[in-house]
Amino acid sequence: ALPAGTTPAYETLSTLLHTRYSCR
């Protein structure tokens, strides 16, 4: 279900990095 060359762990980390923001 994942793109070639990636892993579930990478996808989770990437999602966190792309969705985190500075809460004000």
PDBML (XML) file of the C-alpha atoms, coordinates in Angstrom:
<?xml version="1.0" encoding="UTF-8" ?>
<PDBx:datablock datablockName="MODEL"
   xmlns:PDBx="http://pdbml.pdb.org/schema/pdbx-v50.xsd"
   xmlns:xsi="http://www.w3.org/2001/XMLSchema-instance"
   xsi:schemaLocation="http://pdbml.pdb.org/schema/pdbx-v50.xsd pdbx-v50.xsd">
   <PDBx:atom_siteCategory>
      <PDBx:atom_site id="1">
         <PDBx:B_iso_or_equiv>0.00</PDBx:B_iso_or_equiv>
         <PDBx:Cartn_x>0.000</PDBx:Cartn_x>
         <PDBx:Cartn_y>0.000</PDBx:Cartn_y>
         <PDBx:Cartn_z>0.000</PDBx:Cartn_z>
         <PDBx:auth_asym_id>A</PDBx:auth_asym_id>
         <PDBx:auth_atom_id>CA</PDBx:auth_atom_id>
         <PDBx:auth_comp_id>ALA</PDBx:auth_comp_id>
         <PDBx:auth_seq_id>1</PDBx:auth_seq_id>
         <PDBx:group_PDB>ATOM</PDBx:group_PDB>
         <PDBx:label_alt_id xsi:nil="true" />
         <PDBx:label_asym_id>A</PDBx:label_asym_id>
         <PDBx:label_atom_id>CA</PDBx:label_atom_id>
         <PDBx:label_comp_id>ALA</PDBx:label_comp_id>
         <PDBx:label_entity_id>1</PDBx:label_entity_id>
         <PDBx:label_seq_id>1</PDBx:label_seq_id>
         <PDBx:occupancy>1.00</PDBx:occupancy>
         <PDBx:pdbx_PDB_model_num>1</PDBx:pdbx_PDB_model_num>
         <PDBx:type_symbol>C</PDBx:type_symbol>
      </PDBx:atom_site>
      <PDBx:atom_site id="2">
         <PDBx:B_iso_or_equiv>0.00</PDBx:B_iso_or_equiv>
         <PDBx:Cartn_x>3.024</PDBx:Cartn_x>
         <PDBx:Cartn_y>2.297</PDBx:Cartn_y>
         <PDBx:Cartn_z>0.285</PDBx:Cartn_z>
         <PDBx:auth_asym_id>A</PDBx:auth_asym_id>
         <PDBx:auth_atom_id>CA</PDBx:auth_atom_id>
         <PDBx:auth_comp_id>LEU</PDBx:auth_comp_id>
         <PDBx:auth_seq_id>2</PDBx:auth_seq_id>
         <PDBx:group_PDB>ATOM</PDBx:group_PDB>
         <PDBx:label_alt_id xsi:nil="true" />
         <PDBx:label_asym_id>A</PDBx:label_asym_id>
         <PDBx:label_atom_id>CA</PDBx:label_atom_id>
         <PDBx:label_comp_id>LEU</PDBx:label_comp_id>
         <PDBx:label_entity_id>1</PDBx:label_entity_id>
         <PDBx:label_seq_id>2</PDBx:label_seq_id>
         <PDBx:occupancy>1.00</PDBx:occupancy>
         <PDBx:pdbx_PDB_model_num>1</PDBx:pdbx_PDB_model_num>
         <PDBx:type_symbol>C</PDBx:type_symbol>
      </PDBx:atom_site>
      <PDBx:atom_site id="3">
         <PDBx:B_iso_or_equiv>0.00</PDBx:B_iso_or_equiv>
         <PDBx:Cartn_x>5.170</PDBx:Cartn_x>
         <PDBx:Cartn_y>3.840</PDBx:Cartn_y>
         <PDBx:Cartn_z>-2.453</PDBx:Cartn_z>
         <PDBx:auth_asym_id>A</PDBx:auth_asym_id>
         <PDBx:auth_atom_id>CA</PDBx:auth_atom_id>
         <PDBx:auth_comp_id>PRO</PDBx:auth_comp_id>
         <PDBx:auth_seq_id>3</PDBx:auth_seq_id>
         <PDBx:group_PDB>ATOM</PDBx:group_PDB>
         <PDBx:label_alt_id xsi:nil="true" />
         <PDBx:label_asym_id>A</PDBx:label_asym_id>
         <PDBx:label_atom_id>CA</PDBx:label_atom_id>
         <PDBx:label_comp_id>PRO</PDBx:label_comp_id>
         <PDBx:label_entity_id>1</PDBx:label_entity_id>
         <PDBx:label_seq_id>3</PDBx:label_seq_id>
         <PDBx:occupancy>1.00</PDBx:occupancy>
         <PDBx:pdbx_PDB_model_num>1</PDBx:pdbx_PDB_model_num>
         <PDBx:type_symbol>C</PDBx:type_symbol>
      </PDBx:atom_site>
      <PDBx:atom_site id="4">
         <PDBx:B_iso_or_equiv>0.00</PDBx:B_iso_or_equiv>
         <PDBx:Cartn_x>8.204</PDBx:Cartn_x>
         <PDBx:Cartn_y>1.780</PDBx:Cartn_y>
         <PDBx:Cartn_z>-3.389</PDBx:Cartn_z>
         <PDBx:auth_asym_id>A</PDBx:auth_asym_id>
         <PDBx:auth_atom_id>CA</PDBx:auth_atom_id>
         <PDBx:auth_comp_id>ALA</PDBx:auth_comp_id>
         <PDBx:auth_seq_id>4</PDBx:auth_seq_id>
         <PDBx:group_PDB>ATOM</PDBx:group_PDB>
         <PDBx:label_alt_id xsi:nil="true" />
         <PDBx:label_asym_id>A</PDBx:label_asym_id>
         <PDBx:label_atom_id>CA</PDBx:label_atom_id>
         <PDBx:label_comp_id>ALA</PDBx:label_comp_id>
         <PDBx:label_entity_id>1</PDBx:label_entity_id>
         <PDBx:label_seq_id>4</PDBx:label_seq_id>
         <PDBx:occupancy>1.00</PDBx:occupancy>
         <PDBx:pdbx_PDB_model_num>1</PDBx:pdbx_PDB_model_num>
         <PDBx:type_symbol>C</PDBx:type_symbol>
      </PDBx:atom_site>
      <PDBx:atom_site id="5">
         <PDBx:B_iso_or_equiv>0.00</PDBx:B_iso_or_equiv>
         <PDBx:Cartn_x>11.199</PDBx:Cartn_x>
         <PDBx:Cartn_y>2.481</PDBx:Cartn_y>
         <PDBx:Cartn_z>-1.188</PDBx:Cartn_z>
         <PDBx:auth_asym_id>A</PDBx:auth_asym_id>
         <PDBx:auth_atom_id>CA</PDBx:auth_atom_id>
         <PDBx:auth_comp_id>GLY</PDBx:auth_comp_id>
         <PDBx:auth_seq_id>5</PDBx:auth_seq_id>
         <PDBx:group_PDB>ATOM</PDBx:group_PDB>
         <PDBx:label_alt_id xsi:nil="true" />
         <PDBx:label_asym_id>A</PDBx:label_asym_id>
         <PDBx:label_atom_id>CA</PDBx:label_atom_id>
         <PDBx:label_comp_id>GLY</PDBx:label_comp_id>
         <PDBx:label_entity_id>1</PDBx:label_entity_id>
         <PDBx:label_seq_id>5</PDBx:label_seq_id>
         <PDBx:occupancy>1.00</PDBx:occupancy>
         <PDBx:pdbx_PDB_model_num>1</PDBx:pdbx_PDB_model_num>
         <PDBx:type_symbol>C</PDBx:type_symbol>
      </PDBx:atom_site>
      <PDBx:atom_site id="6">
         <PDBx:B_iso_or_equiv>0.00</PDBx:B_iso_or_equiv>
         <PDBx:Cartn_x>9.270</PDBx:Cartn_x>
         <PDBx:Cartn_y>3.768</PDBx:Cartn_y>
         <PDBx:Cartn_z>1.826</PDBx:Cartn_z>
         <PDBx:auth_asym_id>A</PDBx:auth_asym_id>
         <PDBx:auth_atom_id>CA</PDBx:auth_atom_id>
         <PDBx:auth_comp_id>THR</PDBx:auth_comp_id>
         <PDBx:auth_seq_id>6</PDBx:auth_seq_id>
         <PDBx:group_PDB>ATOM</PDBx:group_PDB>
         <PDBx:label_alt_id xsi:nil="true" />
         <PDBx:label_asym_id>A</PDBx:label_asym_id>
         <PDBx:label_atom_id>CA</PDBx:label_atom_id>
         <PDBx:label_comp_id>THR</PDBx:label_comp_id>
         <PDBx:label_entity_id>1</PDBx:label_entity_id>
         <PDBx:label_seq_id>6</PDBx:label_seq_id>
         <PDBx:occupancy>1.00</PDBx:occupancy>
         <PDBx:pdbx_PDB_model_num>1</PDBx:pdbx_PDB_model_num>
         <PDBx:type_symbol>C</PDBx:type_symbol>
      </PDBx:atom_site>
      <PDBx:atom_site id="7">
         <PDBx:B_iso_or_equiv>0.00</PDBx:B_iso_or_equiv>
         <PDBx:Cartn_x>8.060</PDBx:Cartn_x>
         <PDBx:Cartn_y>2.210</PDBx:Cartn_y>
         <PDBx:Cartn_z>5.089</PDBx:Cartn_z>
         <PDBx:auth_asym_id>A</PDBx:auth_asym_id>
         <PDBx:auth_atom_id>CA</PDBx:auth_atom_id>
         <PDBx:auth_comp_id>THR</PDBx:auth_comp_id>
         <PDBx:auth_seq_id>7</PDBx:auth_seq_id>
         <PDBx:group_PDB>ATOM</PDBx:group_PDB>
         <PDBx:label_alt_id xsi:nil="true" />
         <PDBx:label_asym_id>A</PDBx:label_asym_id>
         <PDBx:label_atom_id>CA</PDBx:label_atom_id>
         <PDBx:label_comp_id>THR</PDBx:label_comp_id>
         <PDBx:label_entity_id>1</PDBx:label_entity_id>
         <PDBx:label_seq_id>7</PDBx:label_seq_id>
         <PDBx:occupancy>1.00</PDBx:occupancy>
         <PDBx:pdbx_PDB_model_num>1</PDBx:pdbx_PDB_model_num>
         <PDBx:type_symbol>C</PDBx:type_symbol>
      </PDBx:atom_site>
      <PDBx:atom_site id="8">
         <PDBx:B_iso_or_equiv>0.00</PDBx:B_iso_or_equiv>
         <PDBx:Cartn_x>5.170</PDBx:Cartn_x>
         <PDBx:Cartn_y>2.738</PDBx:Cartn_y>
         <PDBx:Cartn_z>7.515</PDBx:Cartn_z>
         <PDBx:auth_asym_id>A</PDBx:auth_asym_id>
         <PDBx:auth_atom_id>CA</PDBx:auth_atom_id>
         <PDBx:auth_comp_id>PRO</PDBx:auth_comp_id>
         <PDBx:auth_seq_id>8</PDBx:auth_seq_id>
         <PDBx:group_PDB>ATOM</PDBx:group_PDB>
         <PDBx:label_alt_id xsi:nil="true" />
         <PDBx:label_asym_id>A</PDBx:label_asym_id>
         <PDBx:label_atom_id>CA</PDBx:label_atom_id>
         <PDBx:label_comp_id>PRO</PDBx:label_comp_id>
         <PDBx:label_entity_id>1</PDBx:label_entity_id>
         <PDBx:label_seq_id>8</PDBx:label_seq_id>
         <PDBx:occupancy>1.00</PDBx:occupancy>
         <PDBx:pdbx_PDB_model_num>1</PDBx:pdbx_PDB_model_num>
         <PDBx:type_symbol>C</PDBx:type_symbol>
      </PDBx:atom_site>
      <PDBx:atom_site id="9">
         <PDBx:B_iso_or_equiv>0.00</PDBx:B_iso_or_equiv>
         <PDBx:Cartn_x>7.596</PDBx:Cartn_x>
         <PDBx:Cartn_y>4.366</PDBx:Cartn_y>
         <PDBx:Cartn_z>9.951</PDBx:Cartn_z>
         <PDBx:auth_asym_id>A</PDBx:auth_asym_id>
         <PDBx:auth_atom_id>CA</PDBx:auth_atom_id>
         <PDBx:auth_comp_id>ALA</PDBx:auth_comp_id>
         <PDBx:auth_seq_id>9</PDBx:auth_seq_id>
         <PDBx:group_PDB>ATOM</PDBx:group_PDB>
         <PDBx:label_alt_id xsi:nil="true" />
         <PDBx:label_asym_id>A</PDBx:label_asym_id>
         <PDBx:label_atom_id>CA</PDBx:label_atom_id>
         <PDBx:label_comp_id>ALA</PDBx:label_comp_id>
         <PDBx:label_entity_id>1</PDBx:label_entity_id>
         <PDBx:label_seq_id>9</PDBx:label_seq_id>
         <PDBx:occupancy>1.00</PDBx:occupancy>
         <PDBx:pdbx_PDB_model_num>1</PDBx:pdbx_PDB_model_num>
         <PDBx:type_symbol>C</PDBx:type_symbol>
      </PDBx:atom_site>
      <PDBx:atom_site id="10">
         <PDBx:B_iso_or_equiv>0.00</PDBx:B_iso_or_equiv>
         <PDBx:Cartn_x>8.769</PDBx:Cartn_x>
         <PDBx:Cartn_y>6.851</PDBx:Cartn_y>
         <PDBx:Cartn_z>7.313</PDBx:Cartn_z>
         <PDBx:auth_asym_id>A</PDBx:auth_asym_id>
         <PDBx:auth_atom_id>CA</PDBx:auth_atom_id>
         <PDBx:auth_comp_id>TYR</PDBx:auth_comp_id>
         <PDBx:auth_seq_id>10</PDBx:auth_seq_id>
         <PDBx:group_PDB>ATOM</PDBx:group_PDB>
         <PDBx:label_alt_id xsi:nil="true" />
         <PDBx:label_asym_id>A</PDBx:label_asym_id>
         <PDBx:label_atom_id>CA</PDBx:label_atom_id>
         <PDBx:label_comp_id>TYR</PDBx:label_comp_id>
         <PDBx:label_entity_id>1</PDBx:label_entity_id>
         <PDBx:label_seq_id>10</PDBx:label_seq_id>
         <PDBx:occupancy>1.00</PDBx:occupancy>
         <PDBx:pdbx_PDB_model_num>1</PDBx:pdbx_PDB_model_num>
         <PDBx:type_symbol>C</PDBx:type_symbol>
      </PDBx:atom_site>
      <PDBx:atom_site id="11">
         <PDBx:B_iso_or_equiv>0.00</PDBx:B_iso_or_equiv>
         <PDBx:Cartn_x>5.191</PDBx:Cartn_x>
         <PDBx:Cartn_y>7.679</PDBx:Cartn_y>
         <PDBx:Cartn_z>6.344</PDBx:Cartn_z>
         <PDBx:auth_asym_id>A</PDBx:auth_asym_id>
         <PDBx:auth_atom_id>CA</PDBx:auth_atom_id>
         <PDBx:auth_comp_id>GLU</PDBx:auth_comp_id>
         <PDBx:auth_seq_id>11</PDBx:auth_seq_id>
         <PDBx:group_PDB>ATOM</PDBx:group_PDB>
         <PDBx:label_alt_id xsi:nil="true" />
         <PDBx:label_asym_id>A</PDBx:label_asym_id>
         <PDBx:label_atom_id>CA</PDBx:label_atom_id>
         <PDBx:label_comp_id>GLU</PDBx:label_comp_id>
         <PDBx:label_entity_id>1</PDBx:label_entity_id>
         <PDBx:label_seq_id>11</PDBx:label_seq_id>
         <PDBx:occupancy>1.00</PDBx:occupancy>
         <PDBx:pdbx_PDB_model_num>1</PDBx:pdbx_PDB_model_num>
         <PDBx:type_symbol>C</PDBx:type_symbol>
      </PDBx:atom_site>
      <PDBx:atom_site id="12">
         <PDBx:B_iso_or_equiv>0.00</PDBx:B_iso_or_equiv>
         <PDBx:Cartn_x>4.244</PDBx:Cartn_x>
         <PDBx:Cartn_y>8.335</PDBx:Cartn_y>
         <PDBx:Cartn_z>9.982</PDBx:Cartn_z>
         <PDBx:auth_asym_id>A</PDBx:auth_asym_id>
         <PDBx:auth_atom_id>CA</PDBx:auth_atom_id>
         <PDBx:auth_comp_id>THR</PDBx:auth_comp_id>
         <PDBx:auth_seq_id>12</PDBx:auth_seq_id>
         <PDBx:group_PDB>ATOM</PDBx:group_PDB>
         <PDBx:label_alt_id xsi:nil="true" />
         <PDBx:label_asym_id>A</PDBx:label_asym_id>
         <PDBx:label_atom_id>CA</PDBx:label_atom_id>
         <PDBx:label_comp_id>THR</PDBx:label_comp_id>
         <PDBx:label_entity_id>1</PDBx:label_entity_id>
         <PDBx:label_seq_id>12</PDBx:label_seq_id>
         <PDBx:occupancy>1.00</PDBx:occupancy>
         <PDBx:pdbx_PDB_model_num>1</PDBx:pdbx_PDB_model_num>
         <PDBx:type_symbol>C</PDBx:type_symbol>
      </PDBx:atom_site>
      <PDBx:atom_site id="13">
         <PDBx:B_iso_or_equiv>0.00</PDBx:B_iso_or_equiv>
         <PDBx:Cartn_x>7.274</PDBx:Cartn_x>
         <PDBx:Cartn_y>10.543</PDBx:Cartn_y>
         <PDBx:Cartn_z>10.562</PDBx:Cartn_z>
         <PDBx:auth_asym_id>A</PDBx:auth_asym_id>
         <PDBx:auth_atom_id>CA</PDBx:auth_atom_id>
         <PDBx:auth_comp_id>LEU</PDBx:auth_comp_id>
         <PDBx:auth_seq_id>13</PDBx:auth_seq_id>
         <PDBx:group_PDB>ATOM</PDBx:group_PDB>
         <PDBx:label_alt_id xsi:nil="true" />
         <PDBx:label_asym_id>A</PDBx:label_asym_id>
         <PDBx:label_atom_id>CA</PDBx:label_atom_id>
         <PDBx:label_comp_id>LEU</PDBx:label_comp_id>
         <PDBx:label_entity_id>1</PDBx:label_entity_id>
         <PDBx:label_seq_id>13</PDBx:label_seq_id>
         <PDBx:occupancy>1.00</PDBx:occupancy>
         <PDBx:pdbx_PDB_model_num>1</PDBx:pdbx_PDB_model_num>
         <PDBx:type_symbol>C</PDBx:type_symbol>
      </PDBx:atom_site>
      <PDBx:atom_site id="14">
         <PDBx:B_iso_or_equiv>0.00</PDBx:B_iso_or_equiv>
         <PDBx:Cartn_x>6.703</PDBx:Cartn_x>
         <PDBx:Cartn_y>12.422</PDBx:Cartn_y>
         <PDBx:Cartn_z>7.308</PDBx:Cartn_z>
         <PDBx:auth_asym_id>A</PDBx:auth_asym_id>
         <PDBx:auth_atom_id>CA</PDBx:auth_atom_id>
         <PDBx:auth_comp_id>SER</PDBx:auth_comp_id>
         <PDBx:auth_seq_id>14</PDBx:auth_seq_id>
         <PDBx:group_PDB>ATOM</PDBx:group_PDB>
         <PDBx:label_alt_id xsi:nil="true" />
         <PDBx:label_asym_id>A</PDBx:label_asym_id>
         <PDBx:label_atom_id>CA</PDBx:label_atom_id>
         <PDBx:label_comp_id>SER</PDBx:label_comp_id>
         <PDBx:label_entity_id>1</PDBx:label_entity_id>
         <PDBx:label_seq_id>14</PDBx:label_seq_id>
         <PDBx:occupancy>1.00</PDBx:occupancy>
         <PDBx:pdbx_PDB_model_num>1</PDBx:pdbx_PDB_model_num>
         <PDBx:type_symbol>C</PDBx:type_symbol>
      </PDBx:atom_site>
      <PDBx:atom_site id="15">
         <PDBx:B_iso_or_equiv>0.00</PDBx:B_iso_or_equiv>
         <PDBx:Cartn_x>3.065</PDBx:Cartn_x>
         <PDBx:Cartn_y>13.062</PDBx:Cartn_y>
         <PDBx:Cartn_z>8.231</PDBx:Cartn_z>
         <PDBx:auth_asym_id>A</PDBx:auth_asym_id>
         <PDBx:auth_atom_id>CA</PDBx:auth_atom_id>
         <PDBx:auth_comp_id>THR</PDBx:auth_comp_id>
         <PDBx:auth_seq_id>15</PDBx:auth_seq_id>
         <PDBx:group_PDB>ATOM</PDBx:group_PDB>
         <PDBx:label_alt_id xsi:nil="true" />
         <PDBx:label_asym_id>A</PDBx:label_asym_id>
         <PDBx:label_atom_id>CA</PDBx:label_atom_id>
         <PDBx:label_comp_id>THR</PDBx:label_comp_id>
         <PDBx:label_entity_id>1</PDBx:label_entity_id>
         <PDBx:label_seq_id>15</PDBx:label_seq_id>
         <PDBx:occupancy>1.00</PDBx:occupancy>
         <PDBx:pdbx_PDB_model_num>1</PDBx:pdbx_PDB_model_num>
         <PDBx:type_symbol>C</PDBx:type_symbol>
      </PDBx:atom_site>
      <PDBx:atom_site id="16">
         <PDBx:B_iso_or_equiv>0.00</PDBx:B_iso_or_equiv>
         <PDBx:Cartn_x>4.059</PDBx:Cartn_x>
         <PDBx:Cartn_y>14.458</PDBx:Cartn_y>
         <PDBx:Cartn_z>11.630</PDBx:Cartn_z>
         <PDBx:auth_asym_id>A</PDBx:auth_asym_id>
         <PDBx:auth_atom_id>CA</PDBx:auth_atom_id>
         <PDBx:auth_comp_id>LEU</PDBx:auth_comp_id>
         <PDBx:auth_seq_id>16</PDBx:auth_seq_id>
         <PDBx:group_PDB>ATOM</PDBx:group_PDB>
         <PDBx:label_alt_id xsi:nil="true" />
         <PDBx:label_asym_id>A</PDBx:label_asym_id>
         <PDBx:label_atom_id>CA</PDBx:label_atom_id>
         <PDBx:label_comp_id>LEU</PDBx:label_comp_id>
         <PDBx:label_entity_id>1</PDBx:label_entity_id>
         <PDBx:label_seq_id>16</PDBx:label_seq_id>
         <PDBx:occupancy>1.00</PDBx:occupancy>
         <PDBx:pdbx_PDB_model_num>1</PDBx:pdbx_PDB_model_num>
         <PDBx:type_symbol>C</PDBx:type_symbol>
      </PDBx:atom_site>
      <PDBx:atom_site id="17">
         <PDBx:B_iso_or_equiv>0.00</PDBx:B_iso_or_equiv>
         <PDBx:Cartn_x>6.703</PDBx:Cartn_x>
         <PDBx:Cartn_y>16.701</PDBx:Cartn_y>
         <PDBx:Cartn_z>10.079</PDBx:Cartn_z>
         <PDBx:auth_asym_id>A</PDBx:auth_asym_id>
         <PDBx:auth_atom_id>CA</PDBx:auth_atom_id>
         <PDBx:auth_comp_id>LEU</PDBx:auth_comp_id>
         <PDBx:auth_seq_id>17</PDBx:auth_seq_id>
         <PDBx:group_PDB>ATOM</PDBx:group_PDB>
         <PDBx:label_alt_id xsi:nil="true" />
         <PDBx:label_asym_id>A</PDBx:label_asym_id>
         <PDBx:label_atom_id>CA</PDBx:label_atom_id>
         <PDBx:label_comp_id>LEU</PDBx:label_comp_id>
         <PDBx:label_entity_id>1</PDBx:label_entity_id>
         <PDBx:label_seq_id>17</PDBx:label_seq_id>
         <PDBx:occupancy>1.00</PDBx:occupancy>
         <PDBx:pdbx_PDB_model_num>1</PDBx:pdbx_PDB_model_num>
         <PDBx:type_symbol>C</PDBx:type_symbol>
      </PDBx:atom_site>
      <PDBx:atom_site id="18">
         <PDBx:B_iso_or_equiv>0.00</PDBx:B_iso_or_equiv>
         <PDBx:Cartn_x>4.346</PDBx:Cartn_x>
         <PDBx:Cartn_y>17.998</PDBx:Cartn_y>
         <PDBx:Cartn_z>7.389</PDBx:Cartn_z>
         <PDBx:auth_asym_id>A</PDBx:auth_asym_id>
         <PDBx:auth_atom_id>CA</PDBx:auth_atom_id>
         <PDBx:auth_comp_id>HIS</PDBx:auth_comp_id>
         <PDBx:auth_seq_id>18</PDBx:auth_seq_id>
         <PDBx:group_PDB>ATOM</PDBx:group_PDB>
         <PDBx:label_alt_id xsi:nil="true" />
         <PDBx:label_asym_id>A</PDBx:label_asym_id>
         <PDBx:label_atom_id>CA</PDBx:label_atom_id>
         <PDBx:label_comp_id>HIS</PDBx:label_comp_id>
         <PDBx:label_entity_id>1</PDBx:label_entity_id>
         <PDBx:label_seq_id>18</PDBx:label_seq_id>
         <PDBx:occupancy>1.00</PDBx:occupancy>
         <PDBx:pdbx_PDB_model_num>1</PDBx:pdbx_PDB_model_num>
         <PDBx:type_symbol>C</PDBx:type_symbol>
      </PDBx:atom_site>
      <PDBx:atom_site id="19">
         <PDBx:B_iso_or_equiv>0.00</PDBx:B_iso_or_equiv>
         <PDBx:Cartn_x>1.389</PDBx:Cartn_x>
         <PDBx:Cartn_y>18.659</PDBx:Cartn_y>
         <PDBx:Cartn_z>9.712</PDBx:Cartn_z>
         <PDBx:auth_asym_id>A</PDBx:auth_asym_id>
         <PDBx:auth_atom_id>CA</PDBx:auth_atom_id>
         <PDBx:auth_comp_id>THR</PDBx:auth_comp_id>
         <PDBx:auth_seq_id>19</PDBx:auth_seq_id>
         <PDBx:group_PDB>ATOM</PDBx:group_PDB>
         <PDBx:label_alt_id xsi:nil="true" />
         <PDBx:label_asym_id>A</PDBx:label_asym_id>
         <PDBx:label_atom_id>CA</PDBx:label_atom_id>
         <PDBx:label_comp_id>THR</PDBx:label_comp_id>
         <PDBx:label_entity_id>1</PDBx:label_entity_id>
         <PDBx:label_seq_id>19</PDBx:label_seq_id>
         <PDBx:occupancy>1.00</PDBx:occupancy>
         <PDBx:pdbx_PDB_model_num>1</PDBx:pdbx_PDB_model_num>
         <PDBx:type_symbol>C</PDBx:type_symbol>
      </PDBx:atom_site>
      <PDBx:atom_site id="20">
         <PDBx:B_iso_or_equiv>0.00</PDBx:B_iso_or_equiv>
         <PDBx:Cartn_x>3.108</PDBx:Cartn_x>
         <PDBx:Cartn_y>20.072</PDBx:Cartn_y>
         <PDBx:Cartn_z>12.812</PDBx:Cartn_z>
         <PDBx:auth_asym_id>A</PDBx:auth_asym_id>
         <PDBx:auth_atom_id>CA</PDBx:auth_atom_id>
         <PDBx:auth_comp_id>ARG</PDBx:auth_comp_id>
         <PDBx:auth_seq_id>20</PDBx:auth_seq_id>
         <PDBx:group_PDB>ATOM</PDBx:group_PDB>
         <PDBx:label_alt_id xsi:nil="true" />
         <PDBx:label_asym_id>A</PDBx:label_asym_id>
         <PDBx:label_atom_id>CA</PDBx:label_atom_id>
         <PDBx:label_comp_id>ARG</PDBx:label_comp_id>
         <PDBx:label_entity_id>1</PDBx:label_entity_id>
         <PDBx:label_seq_id>20</PDBx:label_seq_id>
         <PDBx:occupancy>1.00</PDBx:occupancy>
         <PDBx:pdbx_PDB_model_num>1</PDBx:pdbx_PDB_model_num>
         <PDBx:type_symbol>C</PDBx:type_symbol>
      </PDBx:atom_site>
      <PDBx:atom_site id="21">
         <PDBx:B_iso_or_equiv>0.00</PDBx:B_iso_or_equiv>
         <PDBx:Cartn_x>2.820</PDBx:Cartn_x>
         <PDBx:Cartn_y>23.833</PDBx:Cartn_y>
         <PDBx:Cartn_z>13.245</PDBx:Cartn_z>
         <PDBx:auth_asym_id>A</PDBx:auth_asym_id>
         <PDBx:auth_atom_id>CA</PDBx:auth_atom_id>
         <PDBx:auth_comp_id>TYR</PDBx:auth_comp_id>
         <PDBx:auth_seq_id>21</PDBx:auth_seq_id>
         <PDBx:group_PDB>ATOM</PDBx:group_PDB>
         <PDBx:label_alt_id xsi:nil="true" />
         <PDBx:label_asym_id>A</PDBx:label_asym_id>
         <PDBx:label_atom_id>CA</PDBx:label_atom_id>
         <PDBx:label_comp_id>TYR</PDBx:label_comp_id>
         <PDBx:label_entity_id>1</PDBx:label_entity_id>
         <PDBx:label_seq_id>21</PDBx:label_seq_id>
         <PDBx:occupancy>1.00</PDBx:occupancy>
         <PDBx:pdbx_PDB_model_num>1</PDBx:pdbx_PDB_model_num>
         <PDBx:type_symbol>C</PDBx:type_symbol>
      </PDBx:atom_site>
      <PDBx:atom_site id="22">
         <PDBx:B_iso_or_equiv>0.00</PDBx:B_iso_or_equiv>
         <PDBx:Cartn_x>3.678</PDBx:Cartn_x>
         <PDBx:Cartn_y>26.473</PDBx:Cartn_y>
         <PDBx:Cartn_z>15.837</PDBx:Cartn_z>
         <PDBx:auth_asym_id>A</PDBx:auth_asym_id>
         <PDBx:auth_atom_id>CA</PDBx:auth_atom_id>
         <PDBx:auth_comp_id>SER</PDBx:auth_comp_id>
         <PDBx:auth_seq_id>22</PDBx:auth_seq_id>
         <PDBx:group_PDB>ATOM</PDBx:group_PDB>
         <PDBx:label_alt_id xsi:nil="true" />
         <PDBx:label_asym_id>A</PDBx:label_asym_id>
         <PDBx:label_atom_id>CA</PDBx:label_atom_id>
         <PDBx:label_comp_id>SER</PDBx:label_comp_id>
         <PDBx:label_entity_id>1</PDBx:label_entity_id>
         <PDBx:label_seq_id>22</PDBx:label_seq_id>
         <PDBx:occupancy>1.00</PDBx:occupancy>
         <PDBx:pdbx_PDB_model_num>1</PDBx:pdbx_PDB_model_num>
         <PDBx:type_symbol>C</PDBx:type_symbol>
      </PDBx:atom_site>
      <PDBx:atom_site id="23">
         <PDBx:B_iso_or_equiv>0.00</PDBx:B_iso_or_equiv>
         <PDBx:Cartn_x>0.599</PDBx:Cartn_x>
         <PDBx:Cartn_y>26.781</PDBx:Cartn_y>
         <PDBx:Cartn_z>18.041</PDBx:Cartn_z>
         <PDBx:auth_asym_id>A</PDBx:auth_asym_id>
         <PDBx:auth_atom_id>CA</PDBx:auth_atom_id>
         <PDBx:auth_comp_id>CYS</PDBx:auth_comp_id>
         <PDBx:auth_seq_id>23</PDBx:auth_seq_id>
         <PDBx:group_PDB>ATOM</PDBx:group_PDB>
         <PDBx:label_alt_id xsi:nil="true" />
         <PDBx:label_asym_id>A</PDBx:label_asym_id>
         <PDBx:label_atom_id>CA</PDBx:label_atom_id>
         <PDBx:label_comp_id>CYS</PDBx:label_comp_id>
         <PDBx:label_entity_id>1</PDBx:label_entity_id>
         <PDBx:label_seq_id>23</PDBx:label_seq_id>
         <PDBx:occupancy>1.00</PDBx:occupancy>
         <PDBx:pdbx_PDB_model_num>1</PDBx:pdbx_PDB_model_num>
         <PDBx:type_symbol>C</PDBx:type_symbol>
      </PDBx:atom_site>
      <PDBx:atom_site id="24">
         <PDBx:B_iso_or_equiv>0.00</PDBx:B_iso_or_equiv>
         <PDBx:Cartn_x>-0.035</PDBx:Cartn_x>
         <PDBx:Cartn_y>30.378</PDBx:Cartn_y>
         <PDBx:Cartn_z>19.123</PDBx:Cartn_z>
         <PDBx:auth_asym_id>A</PDBx:auth_asym_id>
         <PDBx:auth_atom_id>CA</PDBx:auth_atom_id>
         <PDBx:auth_comp_id>ARG</PDBx:auth_comp_id>
         <PDBx:auth_seq_id>24</PDBx:auth_seq_id>
         <PDBx:group_PDB>ATOM</PDBx:group_PDB>
         <PDBx:label_alt_id xsi:nil="true" />
         <PDBx:label_asym_id>A</PDBx:label_asym_id>
         <PDBx:label_atom_id>CA</PDBx:label_atom_id>
         <PDBx:label_comp_id>ARG</PDBx:label_comp_id>
         <PDBx:label_entity_id>1</PDBx:label_entity_id>
         <PDBx:label_seq_id>24</PDBx:label_seq_id>
         <PDBx:occupancy>1.00</PDBx:occupancy>
         <PDBx:pdbx_PDB_model_num>1</PDBx:pdbx_PDB_model_num>
         <PDBx:type_symbol>C</PDBx:type_symbol>
      </PDBx:atom_site>
   </PDBx:atom_siteCategory>
</PDBx:datablock>
